Amino acid sequence: MKKDNYKKSIKNTIDLQITALKKLKKNIGNSFNEAVKTIGTCKSKIILLGVGKSQKIAALVSSSLSSCAAESYTLTAEDCVHGDLGSISRKDVLVLFSNSGNTEELKPIISYANRNNIKLIGITSKKNSILYKASDIKILYPECKEAGEGGLVPSTSIIIQESIGSALVIAVMKYKKHGIKLLKKSHPAGSLSKKLLTVNDLMLKEKNKIPFVNENLKMKDALKVLRQKNLGLIIARNSKNYCTGIFSDGDLKRKIQKNKNLYDEQLKKVMTANPIVINQESLAEKALAIMETNRITTLIVNSKKSKHKIVGLISIHDILETNIS
């Protein structure tokens, strides 16, 4: 008996979806920028709606927005026509997903938004639809062929809607600039929380523990600080307290063999100038990648306000202890 093989079917579905996404990529217009700014500057709520499969996309996008970028929730069309339209105010932004743009259940919602001067973002594939014509911001995506016999099951269009929705979330996070912080607050546990740990979360930041020394110090005195702080390096600063270099245990082992007068040298003459630094708001994952690439075990950390101001140290052990890899 011949075994069923559906590899051809899945490949065909994926090919249709890839083709549709390529068309979408070519046709993104300025309306997307308008939508991002409108959502990003909204002082009230973002309400997302759809019907059927589009409602599930709306709910997914709403959840993502709430967790990382903007206060958001979703309503169903049924809820709206039974009283929940009253929960949408003029200060809110309404986002409607509809492939056809002519779904009957959405018509009273569109009408309510227009009558009450509520900002409406319409996401649809039909330029001649009610949704497209009535929207303040019109995101039109290319019409696409659905997979399967007769093209009856939303398969390609749903991928496009999800792509636009997730792209909106990412772009709004970028626009608001503090999306990562909000995402971290709303995901306090699990692997995602670890991925969102910043350098600032893990670094040594107590000023009295950071091994600062003046760059003009003689090495015999600088090495006392190196031994006392026991962090494997010292940070050289100039008269403006700007970091000018570092000197590590490894440097000492290498240079003591070549320079018998090392202890009498000034630190600035033997240190490693222009060391690698990382910003305190960078993700810890990025710090780990920098250390692995450069084969070092510690990074000095600069302030989010000034690249010259050193505010801490982060070691590879600090990161690995959190099980980030």
Protein backbone atom coordinates (compact mmCIF):
# COMPACT_ATOMS: atom_id res chain seq x y z
CA MET A 1 0.00 0.00 0.00
CA LYS A 2 1.36 3.41 -1.03
CA LYS A 3 2.15 5.71 1.87
CA ASP A 4 0.73 9.20 1.87
CA ASN A 5 3.39 11.86 1.38
CA TYR A 6 2.47 15.45 2.07
CA LYS A 7 5.90 17.00 1.57
CA LYS A 8 4.81 18.45 -1.75
CA SER A 9 1.81 20.05 -0.06
CA ILE A 10 3.82 21.74 2.68
CA LYS A 11 6.43 22.95 0.20
CA ASN A 12 3.71 24.45 -1.99
CA THR A 13 2.15 26.22 1.01
CA ILE A 14 5.49 27.62 2.11
CA ASP A 15 6.32 28.75 -1.45
CA LEU A 16 3.04 30.68 -1.63
CA GLN A 17 3.73 32.29 1.74
CA ILE A 18 7.29 33.25 0.79
CA THR A 19 6.10 34.77 -2.48
CA ALA A 20 3.46 36.79 -0.61
CA LEU A 21 5.96 38.05 1.97
CA LYS A 22 8.36 39.13 -0.80
CA LYS A 23 5.53 41.12 -2.40
CA LEU A 24 4.71 42.64 0.98
CA LYS A 25 8.34 43.66 1.50
CA LYS A 26 8.38 45.49 -1.84
CA ASN A 27 5.13 47.31 -1.16
CA ILE A 28 5.60 48.71 2.35
CA GLY A 29 4.73 52.41 2.13
CA ASN A 30 4.83 55.50 4.33
CA SER A 31 1.53 54.50 5.92
CA PHE A 32 3.48 51.98 8.01
CA ASN A 33 5.59 54.84 9.42
CA GLU A 34 2.39 56.76 10.20
CA ALA A 35 0.95 53.77 12.03
CA VAL A 36 4.10 53.34 14.14
CA LYS A 37 4.15 57.01 15.16
CA THR A 38 0.41 57.03 15.89
CA ILE A 39 0.67 53.98 18.14
CA GLY A 40 3.92 55.19 19.68
CA THR A 41 2.53 58.60 20.63
CA CYS A 42 -0.88 57.39 21.81
CA LYS A 43 -1.52 58.54 25.39
CA SER A 44 -4.48 56.23 25.81
CA LYS A 45 -5.21 52.67 24.62
CA ILE A 46 -4.54 50.71 21.45
CA ILE A 47 -7.54 48.50 20.58
CA LEU A 48 -7.10 45.74 18.00
CA LEU A 49 -9.92 43.94 16.23
CA GLY A 50 -10.55 41.39 13.52
CA VAL A 51 -13.03 38.69 12.58
CA GLY A 52 -12.33 34.97 12.48
CA LYS A 53 -8.65 34.17 11.93
CA SER A 54 -7.87 37.90 11.76
CA GLN A 55 -9.19 38.26 15.32
CA LYS A 56 -6.58 35.75 16.50
CA ILE A 57 -3.86 37.83 14.85
CA ALA A 58 -5.27 40.97 16.48
CA ALA A 59 -5.18 39.27 19.89
CA LEU A 60 -1.58 38.13 19.37
CA VAL A 61 -0.40 41.60 18.33
CA SER A 62 -2.31 43.21 21.20
CA SER A 63 -0.64 40.89 23.71
CA SER A 64 2.81 41.69 22.31
CA LEU A 65 2.19 45.44 22.35
CA SER A 66 1.01 45.33 25.96
CA SER A 67 4.07 43.42 27.10
CA CYS A 68 6.69 45.61 25.53
CA ALA A 69 5.56 48.81 23.89
CA ALA A 70 2.09 50.22 24.50
CA GLU A 71 -1.05 49.66 26.58
CA SER A 72 -3.26 47.54 24.38
CA TYR A 73 -6.18 45.16 24.42
CA THR A 74 -8.42 43.36 21.97
CA LEU A 75 -12.18 43.27 21.50
CA THR A 76 -14.25 40.94 19.38
CA ALA A 77 -16.72 42.23 16.82
CA GLU A 78 -19.50 40.51 18.76
CA ASP A 79 -18.51 42.31 21.97
CA CYS A 80 -18.53 45.63 20.15
CA VAL A 81 -22.05 45.35 18.74
CA HIS A 82 -23.33 44.35 22.17
CA GLY A 83 -22.10 47.38 24.07
CA ASP A 84 -18.31 47.34 24.17
CA LEU A 85 -17.99 50.04 21.52
CA GLY A 86 -18.62 52.44 24.39
CA SER A 87 -15.27 51.48 25.90
CA ILE A 88 -13.42 53.01 22.94
CA SER A 89 -12.70 56.71 23.45
CA ARG A 90 -11.58 59.47 21.11
CA LYS A 91 -8.08 59.34 22.57
CA ASP A 92 -7.70 55.66 21.67
CA VAL A 93 -6.28 54.19 18.47
CA LEU A 94 -8.29 51.46 16.75
CA VAL A 95 -6.48 48.89 14.58
CA LEU A 96 -8.62 46.64 12.36
CA PHE A 97 -7.37 43.53 10.53
CA SER A 98 -9.46 42.26 7.63
CA ASN A 99 -8.28 40.55 4.47
CA SER A 100 -11.38 41.55 2.48
CA GLY A 101 -12.01 44.82 4.32
CA ASN A 102 -15.73 44.28 3.75
CA THR A 103 -16.59 41.89 6.58
CA GLU A 104 -20.13 42.66 7.74
CA GLU A 105 -19.28 42.43 11.44
CA LEU A 106 -16.72 45.22 11.12
CA LYS A 107 -18.99 47.73 9.38
CA PRO A 108 -20.69 49.09 12.55
CA ILE A 109 -17.28 49.36 14.24
CA ILE A 110 -15.84 51.31 11.31
CA SER A 111 -18.91 53.55 11.31
CA TYR A 112 -18.58 54.18 15.07
CA ALA A 113 -14.92 55.12 14.71
CA ASN A 114 -15.64 57.56 11.90
CA ARG A 115 -18.60 59.18 13.69
CA ASN A 116 -16.65 59.67 16.89
CA ASN A 117 -13.39 60.83 15.30
CA ILE A 118 -11.45 57.82 16.61
CA LYS A 119 -8.13 57.27 14.83
CA LEU A 120 -8.53 54.16 12.68
CA ILE A 121 -5.67 52.08 11.24
CA GLY A 122 -6.95 49.65 8.62
CA ILE A 123 -4.90 46.62 7.53
CA THR A 124 -6.38 44.96 4.45
CA SER A 125 -5.63 43.65 0.95
CA LYS A 126 -8.57 45.33 -0.83
CA LYS A 127 -8.17 48.93 -1.95
CA ASN A 128 -11.84 49.26 -2.85
CA SER A 129 -13.05 47.97 0.53
CA ILE A 130 -15.00 49.87 3.17
CA LEU A 131 -12.15 49.45 5.66
CA TYR A 132 -9.54 50.89 3.32
CA LYS A 133 -11.67 53.87 2.34
CA ALA A 134 -12.74 54.66 5.92
CA SER A 135 -9.32 54.33 7.59
CA ASP A 136 -7.24 57.32 8.64
CA ILE A 137 -4.09 55.26 8.11
CA LYS A 138 -4.33 52.67 5.36
CA ILE A 139 -1.94 49.70 5.36
CA LEU A 140 -2.60 47.88 2.10
CA TYR A 141 -0.92 44.53 1.58
CA PRO A 142 -0.82 42.64 -1.74
CA GLU A 143 -3.59 40.21 -2.60
CA CYS A 144 -2.23 36.69 -2.42
CA LYS A 145 -3.17 33.17 -3.37
CA GLU A 146 -4.25 30.98 -0.46
CA ALA A 147 -2.89 27.43 -0.26
CA GLY A 148 -4.99 24.31 -0.68
CA GLU A 149 -7.70 23.25 -3.06
CA GLY A 150 -9.89 26.18 -4.04
CA GLY A 151 -7.81 28.59 -1.94
CA LEU A 152 -10.51 28.66 0.72
CA VAL A 153 -8.42 28.37 3.89
CA PRO A 154 -6.67 31.54 5.16
CA SER A 155 -3.05 30.43 5.01
CA THR A 156 -1.08 33.01 3.07
CA SER A 157 -3.10 36.07 4.09
CA ILE A 158 -2.84 35.13 7.75
CA ILE A 159 0.96 34.95 7.49
CA ILE A 160 1.01 38.44 5.94
CA GLN A 161 -1.20 39.88 8.69
CA GLU A 162 0.97 38.30 11.38
CA SER A 163 4.09 39.68 9.70
CA ILE A 164 2.66 43.21 9.58
CA GLY A 165 1.49 42.92 13.19
CA SER A 166 4.82 41.70 14.57
CA ALA A 167 6.66 44.32 12.50
CA LEU A 168 4.46 47.00 14.07
CA VAL A 169 5.34 45.75 17.55
CA ILE A 170 9.09 45.80 16.86
CA ALA A 171 8.94 49.22 15.19
CA VAL A 172 6.91 50.73 18.06
CA MET A 173 9.44 49.32 20.54
CA LYS A 174 12.16 51.07 18.55
CA TYR A 175 10.14 54.29 18.36
CA LYS A 176 9.45 54.40 22.10
CA LYS A 177 13.07 53.39 22.90
CA HIS A 178 12.13 51.77 26.18
CA GLY A 179 10.42 48.70 24.80
CA ILE A 180 13.08 46.28 26.09
CA LYS A 181 12.64 47.58 29.64
CA LEU A 182 8.88 47.08 29.46
CA LEU A 183 9.31 43.62 27.98
CA LYS A 184 11.64 42.69 30.81
CA LYS A 185 9.19 43.91 33.47
CA SER A 186 6.39 41.86 32.01
CA HIS A 187 8.50 38.68 31.71
CA PRO A 188 10.16 38.31 35.14
CA ALA A 189 10.75 34.57 34.84
CA GLY A 190 11.95 32.00 32.35
CA SER A 191 14.48 31.96 29.52
CA LEU A 192 13.18 35.19 27.99
CA SER A 193 13.91 37.02 31.23
CA LYS A 194 17.52 35.81 31.09
CA LYS A 195 17.88 36.95 27.49
CA LEU A 196 16.67 40.40 28.53
CA LEU A 197 19.22 40.85 31.31
CA THR A 198 21.34 43.92 30.69
CA VAL A 199 24.95 44.64 31.53
CA ASN A 200 23.70 47.00 34.22
CA ASP A 201 21.83 44.13 35.90
CA LEU A 202 24.97 42.02 36.31
CA MET A 203 27.94 44.36 36.48
CA LEU A 204 30.04 45.37 39.46
CA LYS A 205 28.95 48.94 40.09
CA GLU A 206 30.06 49.90 43.61
CA LYS A 207 32.47 52.81 43.09
CA ASN A 208 34.78 51.80 45.92
CA LYS A 209 35.29 48.37 44.35
CA ILE A 210 36.08 49.54 40.81
CA PRO A 211 39.89 49.58 40.37
CA PHE A 212 40.45 53.14 39.11
CA VAL A 213 43.97 54.55 39.05
CA ASN A 214 45.51 57.69 37.58
CA GLU A 215 47.32 57.07 34.30
CA ASN A 216 50.39 58.97 35.57
CA LEU A 217 50.89 56.61 38.51
CA LYS A 218 54.12 54.61 38.66
CA MET A 219 53.55 50.93 37.97
CA LYS A 220 54.80 49.86 41.41
CA ASP A 221 51.90 51.84 42.94
CA ALA A 222 49.38 50.86 40.27
CA LEU A 223 50.14 47.20 40.89
CA LYS A 224 49.25 47.60 44.54
CA VAL A 225 45.71 48.52 43.43
CA LEU A 226 45.69 45.57 41.02
CA ARG A 227 46.47 43.18 43.88
CA GLN A 228 44.21 44.93 46.40
CA LYS A 229 41.07 44.96 44.21
CA ASN A 230 41.78 41.43 42.94
CA LEU A 231 39.66 41.81 39.79
CA GLY A 232 42.34 40.95 37.27
CA LEU A 233 42.76 44.47 35.92
CA ILE A 234 42.99 48.17 36.71
CA ILE A 235 41.38 51.06 34.84
CA ALA A 236 43.56 54.06 34.00
CA ARG A 237 41.99 57.53 33.99
CA ASN A 238 43.28 60.99 33.08
CA SER A 239 42.76 64.29 34.92
CA LYS A 240 39.19 64.53 33.54
CA ASN A 241 38.41 61.07 34.92
CA TYR A 242 38.07 59.73 31.38
CA CYS A 243 39.14 56.13 30.84
CA THR A 244 42.38 56.04 28.84
CA GLY A 245 43.38 52.40 29.17
CA ILE A 246 43.55 49.19 31.18
CA PHE A 247 46.27 46.97 32.57
CA SER A 248 45.59 43.33 33.41
CA ASP A 249 47.22 40.40 35.18
CA GLY A 250 47.98 39.01 31.74
CA ASP A 251 49.70 42.24 30.72
CA LEU A 252 51.87 42.04 33.81
CA LYS A 253 53.00 38.48 33.04
CA ARG A 254 53.84 39.36 29.45
CA LYS A 255 55.55 42.71 30.02
CA ILE A 256 57.58 41.92 33.13
CA GLN A 257 59.66 39.52 31.05
CA LYS A 258 60.46 42.13 28.42
CA ASN A 259 60.83 45.21 30.62
CA LYS A 260 62.95 44.86 33.73
CA ASN A 261 62.22 48.49 34.64
CA LEU A 262 58.44 47.98 34.44
CA TYR A 263 57.85 48.94 38.08
CA ASP A 264 59.33 52.40 37.50
CA GLU A 265 57.35 53.10 34.31
CA GLN A 266 54.25 55.27 34.27
CA LEU A 267 51.06 53.30 33.81
CA LYS A 268 50.08 55.23 30.69
CA LYS A 269 53.25 54.09 28.91
CA VAL A 270 52.61 50.37 29.32
CA MET A 271 48.81 50.08 29.54
CA THR A 272 46.49 48.91 26.76
CA ALA A 273 45.04 52.14 25.38
CA ASN A 274 41.50 52.47 23.99
CA PRO A 275 40.15 49.29 25.60
CA ILE A 276 36.93 47.62 24.51
CA VAL A 277 33.94 49.04 26.39
CA ILE A 278 30.25 48.26 26.48
CA ASN A 279 27.29 50.43 27.37
CA GLN A 280 25.46 49.65 30.61
CA GLU A 281 22.12 49.31 28.77
CA SER A 282 23.41 46.68 26.35
CA LEU A 283 22.11 43.14 26.72
CA ALA A 284 24.31 40.76 28.68
CA GLU A 285 24.21 38.41 25.69
CA LYS A 286 25.98 41.05 23.63
CA ALA A 287 28.68 41.44 26.30
CA LEU A 288 29.24 37.68 26.29
CA ALA A 289 29.59 37.64 22.51
CA ILE A 290 32.16 40.48 22.62
CA MET A 291 34.20 38.69 25.26
CA GLU A 292 34.16 35.38 23.39
CA THR A 293 35.09 37.03 20.08
CA ASN A 294 37.99 38.95 21.63
CA ARG A 295 39.05 36.17 24.00
CA ILE A 296 38.82 38.35 27.09
CA THR A 297 37.10 37.72 30.41
CA THR A 298 36.17 41.23 31.55
CA LEU A 299 34.65 44.33 29.96
CA ILE A 300 34.60 47.85 31.33
CA VAL A 301 31.18 49.47 31.22
CA ASN A 302 30.43 53.04 30.25
CA SER A 303 27.46 55.21 31.15
CA LYS A 304 24.36 55.43 28.98
CA LYS A 305 24.87 59.22 29.03
CA SER A 306 28.61 59.42 28.33
CA LYS A 307 30.97 57.02 26.58
CA HIS A 308 33.84 58.46 28.63
CA LYS A 309 32.32 57.81 32.05
CA ILE A 310 33.07 54.30 33.36
CA VAL A 311 30.39 53.02 35.73
CA GLY A 312 31.26 49.39 36.21
CA LEU A 313 32.91 46.11 35.24
CA ILE A 314 31.31 42.92 33.97
CA SER A 315 33.08 39.57 33.85
CA ILE A 316 32.31 36.50 31.82
CA HIS A 317 31.64 34.64 35.08
CA ASP A 318 28.91 37.15 36.04
CA ILE A 319 27.11 36.28 32.80
CA LEU A 320 27.66 32.53 32.78
CA GLU A 321 26.30 32.23 36.31
CA THR A 322 22.89 33.29 34.93
CA ASN A 323 23.04 30.37 32.43
CA ILE A 324 23.11 32.75 29.46
CA SER A 325 24.94 31.08 26.62
